[in-house]
Amino acid sequence: MKRTETQTTREEILAHYQAFGYAVIPDALSAEELDELNRLVDRELAADPGSWHKPIEGAVGNGSLLLKYPREMDRFVRHRKLFPLIQEVLRGEARFAQFDFRDITVERASGSAMGFHRDISWYGTVGGKIWDPENPYKSTYACVIYYLKDVHDCCPAFCMVPNSHEYGTLDEAKEKLGAAYEEVPIRGKAGTAILYNITTYHTRKGGKPECAHGRRTMHNYHSRESSAPLTNWATVPEELALSADKDTRLFYSQWTPNQIKYARDHYKQPVPSYYPVKSIK
C-alpha cells in the first residue's frame, strides 16, 4: 500500500493505520468544537495557570480538565467520529487511559523539539504486550492527537516513523527498515486528528525561529481491556467512573492505584467491592 498524506473514509483510515501504524484525518473536529476547545484552553490558562505543568520541552500541559468538566470532555474522549475507529483498532476493548491538553507559545516554538520515543505502559510489559501481533492493527494502546490550531511549515509538528513499533531502538528501526525508513512530519489545519499506535516511534519536531503561531493540541490515549493501564496519574471523575450508564462505566473501568485512592478519598458513592481499596495506601 502506498503511504498518503491524509485519509478520509473509514476504509482508508483503517487500511493506512494497519499498513503504517497511524492515520491522519482532516476535519475531525468541527469549527464549533474547535471554538469550544480553544475558548476553554484560553480561559483555563488565564484563570488557573497553576493547573498547567511548567514548560517541558517548550510545552505546558493540563491533564485535569476531564475531572473539572466531565460531561463536556467525555464528548471529546469518546468523540463521535474518532471513537468508533479507536474501538476498531483496539478490537472493541477500548478503555480510558489519559487525556490532556498541551500548549506551546510563539516564544517557545523553536525550542520545543523532543527526541524520538515510543510510549510504554507505566507498568512496563507486565500484564500485556508492547504490541500485539495477533491484532491486525498491532495495537495494545492507541492515541489521538488533535490539532487545535493550524500547523504550518514553520510550526512544531508531530512526526511519525511508520512501522517502527517492533524495534527496540530507533537505530534498530533504521537498520531493519532500510530504504523504507521515514520520518514523517504531520502538518495540517486546525481540526486535523492523528490516530496512532503509541509504540510506534514518534516525536515533536521543533518550530522554526520565525514561527509566529506556536502550537496547541489535545491528546487522547486509550488502553485495551486486556492491556495494563498506561499511567498511574490519570484521574476519572465520579460522574463517569460510577455512571448509571453501563457503557460509560465500562469504558472508565481500568482503575489504577492512584484512581482507587482518589475514589476512596473523594467519591460520594462507595468504591465498588471489586476494586482492592484496602490494599491502597
Protein backbone atom coordinates (compact mmCIF):
# COMPACT_ATOMS: atom_id res chain seq x y z
CA MET A 1 0.00 0.00 0.00
CA LYS A 2 1.23 3.50 -0.82
CA ARG A 3 1.53 5.93 2.08
CA THR A 4 -0.66 9.02 1.64
CA GLU A 5 -0.72 12.35 3.50
CA THR A 6 -4.32 12.17 4.70
CA GLN A 7 -7.13 9.63 4.82
CA THR A 8 -10.82 10.49 4.82
CA THR A 9 -13.06 7.43 4.58
CA ARG A 10 -13.31 4.78 7.30
CA GLU A 11 -11.81 2.24 4.91
CA GLU A 12 -8.86 4.48 4.01
CA ILE A 13 -8.18 5.38 7.65
CA LEU A 14 -8.16 1.80 8.89
CA ALA A 15 -6.15 0.49 5.93
CA HIS A 16 -3.49 3.20 6.36
CA TYR A 17 -3.33 2.58 10.12
CA GLN A 18 -2.93 -1.14 9.53
CA ALA A 19 -0.22 -0.61 6.92
CA PHE A 20 1.82 2.13 8.64
CA GLY A 21 0.75 2.38 12.31
CA TYR A 22 -1.09 5.68 12.02
CA ALA A 23 -3.67 7.67 10.05
CA VAL A 24 -4.17 11.41 9.51
CA ILE A 25 -7.80 12.55 9.48
CA PRO A 26 -8.57 16.11 8.29
CA ASP A 27 -11.63 17.95 9.65
CA ALA A 28 -12.06 15.52 12.55
CA LEU A 29 -13.26 18.42 14.71
CA SER A 30 -15.90 20.89 13.55
CA ALA A 31 -15.45 24.66 13.66
CA GLU A 32 -17.84 24.77 16.61
CA GLU A 33 -15.87 22.12 18.50
CA LEU A 34 -12.60 23.93 17.84
CA ASP A 35 -14.07 27.19 19.09
CA GLU A 36 -15.34 25.49 22.26
CA LEU A 37 -11.99 23.83 22.99
CA ASN A 38 -9.84 26.87 22.27
CA ARG A 39 -12.04 29.09 24.42
CA LEU A 40 -11.76 26.51 27.21
CA VAL A 41 -7.95 26.37 26.98
CA ASP A 42 -7.64 30.16 26.82
CA ARG A 43 -9.87 30.50 29.88
CA GLU A 44 -8.03 27.85 31.89
CA LEU A 45 -4.60 29.22 31.03
CA ALA A 46 -5.68 32.65 32.25
CA ALA A 47 -7.80 31.67 35.25
CA ASP A 48 -5.89 28.68 36.63
CA PRO A 49 -2.26 28.73 35.44
CA GLY A 50 -1.24 26.61 38.42
CA SER A 51 -3.08 23.61 36.99
CA TRP A 52 -0.73 23.63 33.97
CA HIS A 53 2.64 21.98 34.44
CA LYS A 54 5.74 24.07 33.84
CA PRO A 55 7.13 24.01 30.29
CA ILE A 56 8.57 20.64 29.32
CA GLU A 57 10.47 20.88 26.03
CA GLY A 58 8.55 24.08 25.35
CA ALA A 59 5.03 22.82 26.12
CA VAL A 60 2.80 23.45 29.13
CA GLY A 61 0.15 20.82 29.78
CA ASN A 62 -3.02 20.15 31.74
CA GLY A 63 -4.37 16.67 32.48
CA SER A 64 -7.13 17.68 34.91
CA LEU A 65 -9.83 19.08 32.65
CA LEU A 66 -11.74 15.79 32.41
CA LEU A 67 -12.01 15.89 36.20
CA LYS A 68 -13.17 19.52 36.10
CA TYR A 69 -15.57 19.22 33.14
CA PRO A 70 -16.65 15.56 32.95
CA ARG A 71 -19.63 15.78 30.62
CA GLU A 72 -18.08 18.32 28.28
CA MET A 73 -14.77 16.49 27.96
CA ASP A 74 -16.26 12.99 27.73
CA ARG A 75 -17.77 14.14 24.41
CA PHE A 76 -14.21 14.53 23.12
CA VAL A 77 -12.68 11.49 24.84
CA ARG A 78 -15.31 9.37 23.09
CA HIS A 79 -15.64 11.59 20.07
CA ARG A 80 -18.46 10.72 17.68
CA LYS A 81 -16.11 10.49 14.66
CA LEU A 82 -12.97 9.00 16.20
CA PHE A 83 -14.17 6.65 18.92
CA PRO A 84 -15.59 4.03 16.51
CA LEU A 85 -12.17 3.94 14.82
CA ILE A 86 -10.42 3.60 18.17
CA GLN A 87 -12.70 0.72 19.08
CA GLU A 88 -11.84 -0.97 15.79
CA VAL A 89 -8.05 -0.78 16.20
CA LEU A 90 -8.35 -1.89 19.84
CA ARG A 91 -10.66 -4.78 18.94
CA GLY A 92 -13.68 -3.43 20.83
CA GLU A 93 -11.74 -3.28 24.12
CA ALA A 94 -11.08 0.48 24.35
CA ARG A 95 -10.61 1.81 27.87
CA PHE A 96 -9.79 5.33 29.06
CA ALA A 97 -6.06 5.82 29.71
CA GLN A 98 -5.12 9.54 29.64
CA PHE A 99 -6.49 12.86 28.40
CA ASP A 100 -4.64 16.17 28.33
CA PHE A 101 -4.06 19.48 26.57
CA ARG A 102 -0.69 20.96 25.58
CA ASP A 103 0.15 24.48 24.52
CA ILE A 104 3.32 25.96 23.03
CA THR A 105 3.61 29.73 22.81
CA VAL A 106 5.21 31.52 19.89
CA GLU A 107 8.21 32.33 22.08
CA ARG A 108 8.81 28.67 22.91
CA ALA A 109 8.11 27.21 19.46
CA SER A 110 11.71 27.00 18.26
CA GLY A 111 12.82 25.28 21.48
CA SER A 112 10.07 22.68 21.56
CA ALA A 113 11.74 19.73 19.83
CA MET A 114 11.61 16.31 21.52
CA GLY A 115 13.67 13.18 20.97
CA PHE A 116 12.17 10.20 19.18
CA HIS A 117 10.48 7.82 21.60
CA ARG A 118 7.61 5.42 21.94
CA ASP A 119 5.13 5.34 24.80
CA ILE A 120 5.19 2.26 27.02
CA SER A 121 2.80 1.48 29.84
CA TRP A 122 3.74 2.71 33.30
CA TYR A 123 3.50 -0.97 34.24
CA GLY A 124 6.08 -1.91 31.62
CA THR A 125 5.23 -5.14 29.88
CA VAL A 126 3.56 -6.68 32.94
CA GLY A 127 0.03 -7.77 32.10
CA GLY A 128 0.25 -7.06 28.39
CA LYS A 129 2.38 -6.95 25.25
CA ILE A 130 4.05 -3.77 23.99
CA TRP A 131 2.50 -4.53 20.61
CA ASP A 132 0.11 -7.28 19.69
CA PRO A 133 0.96 -9.47 16.65
CA GLU A 134 -2.43 -11.18 16.98
CA ASN A 135 -4.26 -7.89 16.43
CA PRO A 136 -4.32 -6.95 12.71
CA TYR A 137 -3.71 -3.36 13.84
CA LYS A 138 -0.86 -4.43 16.21
CA SER A 139 -2.10 -2.06 18.92
CA THR A 140 -2.27 -2.59 22.65
CA TYR A 141 -2.70 1.18 23.08
CA ALA A 142 -3.81 3.96 20.73
CA CYS A 143 -3.76 7.74 20.90
CA VAL A 144 -5.43 10.55 19.01
CA ILE A 145 -3.70 13.93 18.81
CA TYR A 146 -5.99 16.74 17.68
CA TYR A 147 -4.52 19.94 16.25
CA LEU A 148 -6.47 22.81 17.83
CA LYS A 149 -4.62 25.41 15.77
CA ASP A 150 -3.23 25.32 12.24
CA VAL A 151 0.20 23.67 12.00
CA HIS A 152 2.19 25.49 9.31
CA ASP A 153 5.59 24.60 7.85
CA CYS A 154 7.25 26.79 10.49
CA CYS A 155 5.34 25.29 13.46
CA PRO A 156 6.20 22.49 15.88
CA ALA A 157 4.78 19.32 14.32
CA PHE A 158 4.07 15.74 15.35
CA CYS A 159 6.32 13.30 13.48
CA MET A 160 6.00 9.51 12.95
CA VAL A 161 8.37 6.73 11.89
CA PRO A 162 5.99 4.37 10.07
CA ASN A 163 6.12 0.68 11.02
CA SER A 164 8.75 1.13 13.73
CA HIS A 165 6.65 -0.45 16.51
CA GLU A 166 8.54 -3.74 16.81
CA TYR A 167 12.07 -2.36 17.14
CA GLY A 168 13.82 -1.80 20.45
CA THR A 169 15.62 1.37 19.39
CA LEU A 170 15.42 3.95 16.64
CA ASP A 171 18.83 2.79 15.35
CA GLU A 172 17.47 -0.74 15.02
CA ALA A 173 14.46 0.62 13.15
CA LYS A 174 16.77 2.45 10.74
CA GLU A 175 18.83 -0.68 10.18
CA LYS A 176 15.94 -3.11 9.75
CA LEU A 177 13.62 -0.85 7.75
CA GLY A 178 16.41 0.22 5.43
CA ALA A 179 15.08 2.18 2.46
CA ALA A 180 11.58 2.04 3.98
CA TYR A 181 12.70 4.12 6.99
CA GLU A 182 10.98 7.52 7.04
CA GLU A 183 10.47 10.38 9.47
CA VAL A 184 7.12 11.89 8.52
CA PRO A 185 6.24 15.35 9.95
CA ILE A 186 2.47 15.85 10.01
CA ARG A 187 1.09 19.30 9.36
CA GLY A 188 -2.45 20.40 8.78
CA LYS A 189 -5.27 22.74 9.61
CA ALA A 190 -6.93 23.02 13.00
CA GLY A 191 -9.27 20.07 13.43
CA THR A 192 -6.80 17.54 11.98
CA ALA A 193 -6.52 14.34 14.03
CA ILE A 194 -3.67 11.81 14.08
CA LEU A 195 -4.66 8.33 15.21
CA TYR A 196 -1.60 6.23 16.00
CA ASN A 197 -0.20 3.17 17.73
CA ILE A 198 1.72 4.69 20.66
CA THR A 199 4.52 2.11 20.49
CA THR A 200 5.44 3.40 17.02
CA TYR A 201 8.40 5.78 17.32
CA HIS A 202 7.31 9.42 17.22
CA THR A 203 8.38 12.87 18.30
CA ARG A 204 7.59 16.56 18.12
CA LYS A 205 9.70 18.49 15.64
CA GLY A 206 10.56 21.95 16.89
CA GLY A 207 9.33 25.09 15.19
CA LYS A 208 11.49 27.42 13.16
CA PRO A 209 12.85 30.61 14.79
CA GLU A 210 10.49 32.69 12.66
CA CYS A 211 7.39 30.74 13.76
CA ALA A 212 4.54 33.14 14.56
CA HIS A 213 1.90 30.58 15.56
CA GLY A 214 3.05 28.22 18.32
CA ARG A 215 1.04 25.01 18.69
CA ARG A 216 -1.98 23.76 20.64
CA THR A 217 -3.10 20.12 20.85
CA MET A 218 -5.47 17.76 22.64
CA HIS A 219 -4.14 14.27 23.43
CA ASN A 220 -6.49 11.34 23.97
CA TYR A 221 -4.93 7.99 24.98
CA HIS A 222 -6.71 4.64 25.12
CA SER A 223 -5.74 1.28 26.57
CA ARG A 224 -7.32 -2.12 25.92
CA GLU A 225 -9.21 -4.13 28.50
CA SER A 226 -6.57 -6.85 28.01
CA SER A 227 -3.63 -4.42 28.44
CA ALA A 228 -2.12 -3.00 31.60
CA PRO A 229 -3.13 0.61 32.43
CA LEU A 230 -0.99 3.19 30.66
CA THR A 231 -0.31 5.58 33.56
CA ASN A 232 -0.77 5.85 37.31
CA TRP A 233 -1.77 9.52 37.40
CA ALA A 234 -4.85 9.97 35.22
CA THR A 235 -7.92 10.52 37.40
CA VAL A 236 -11.55 9.91 36.41
CA PRO A 237 -14.42 11.89 37.96
CA GLU A 238 -17.14 10.04 39.85
CA GLU A 239 -19.80 11.11 37.36
CA LEU A 240 -18.11 8.97 34.70
CA ALA A 241 -16.41 6.20 36.68
CA LEU A 242 -19.60 5.31 38.56
CA SER A 243 -22.06 6.38 35.89
CA ALA A 244 -25.50 4.77 35.75
CA ASP A 245 -24.78 4.09 32.08
CA LYS A 246 -23.03 0.72 31.85
CA ASP A 247 -21.06 1.54 28.68
CA THR A 248 -19.66 4.69 30.29
CA ARG A 249 -18.85 2.83 33.49
CA LEU A 250 -17.12 0.07 31.50
CA PHE A 251 -15.05 2.47 29.42
CA TYR A 252 -13.74 4.21 32.55
CA SER A 253 -13.22 0.96 34.48
CA GLN A 254 -9.46 0.40 34.12
CA TRP A 255 -8.62 1.78 37.56
CA THR A 256 -5.07 2.31 38.78
CA PRO A 257 -3.84 2.57 42.40
CA ASN A 258 -3.99 6.37 42.06
CA GLN A 259 -7.56 6.21 40.79
CA ILE A 260 -8.66 3.85 43.58
CA LYS A 261 -7.13 6.15 46.20
CA TYR A 262 -8.78 9.20 44.66
CA ALA A 263 -12.18 7.47 44.57
CA ARG A 264 -11.85 6.30 48.17
CA ASP A 265 -10.92 9.80 49.34
CA HIS A 266 -13.27 11.91 47.21
CA TYR A 267 -16.22 9.98 45.77
CA LYS A 268 -19.60 10.27 47.47
CA GLN A 269 -20.58 6.74 46.44
CA PRO A 270 -18.71 3.78 47.93
CA VAL A 271 -15.96 2.28 45.80
CA PRO A 272 -17.22 -0.96 44.20
CA SER A 273 -16.08 -4.08 46.02
CA TYR A 274 -14.16 -5.42 43.02
CA TYR A 275 -11.56 -2.64 43.41
CA PRO A 276 -8.97 -3.52 46.13
CA VAL A 277 -9.39 -0.40 48.28
CA LYS A 278 -7.77 -1.82 51.42
CA SER A 279 -4.52 -2.54 49.62
CA ILE A 280 -4.08 1.08 48.51
CA LYS A 281 -2.31 3.39 50.94
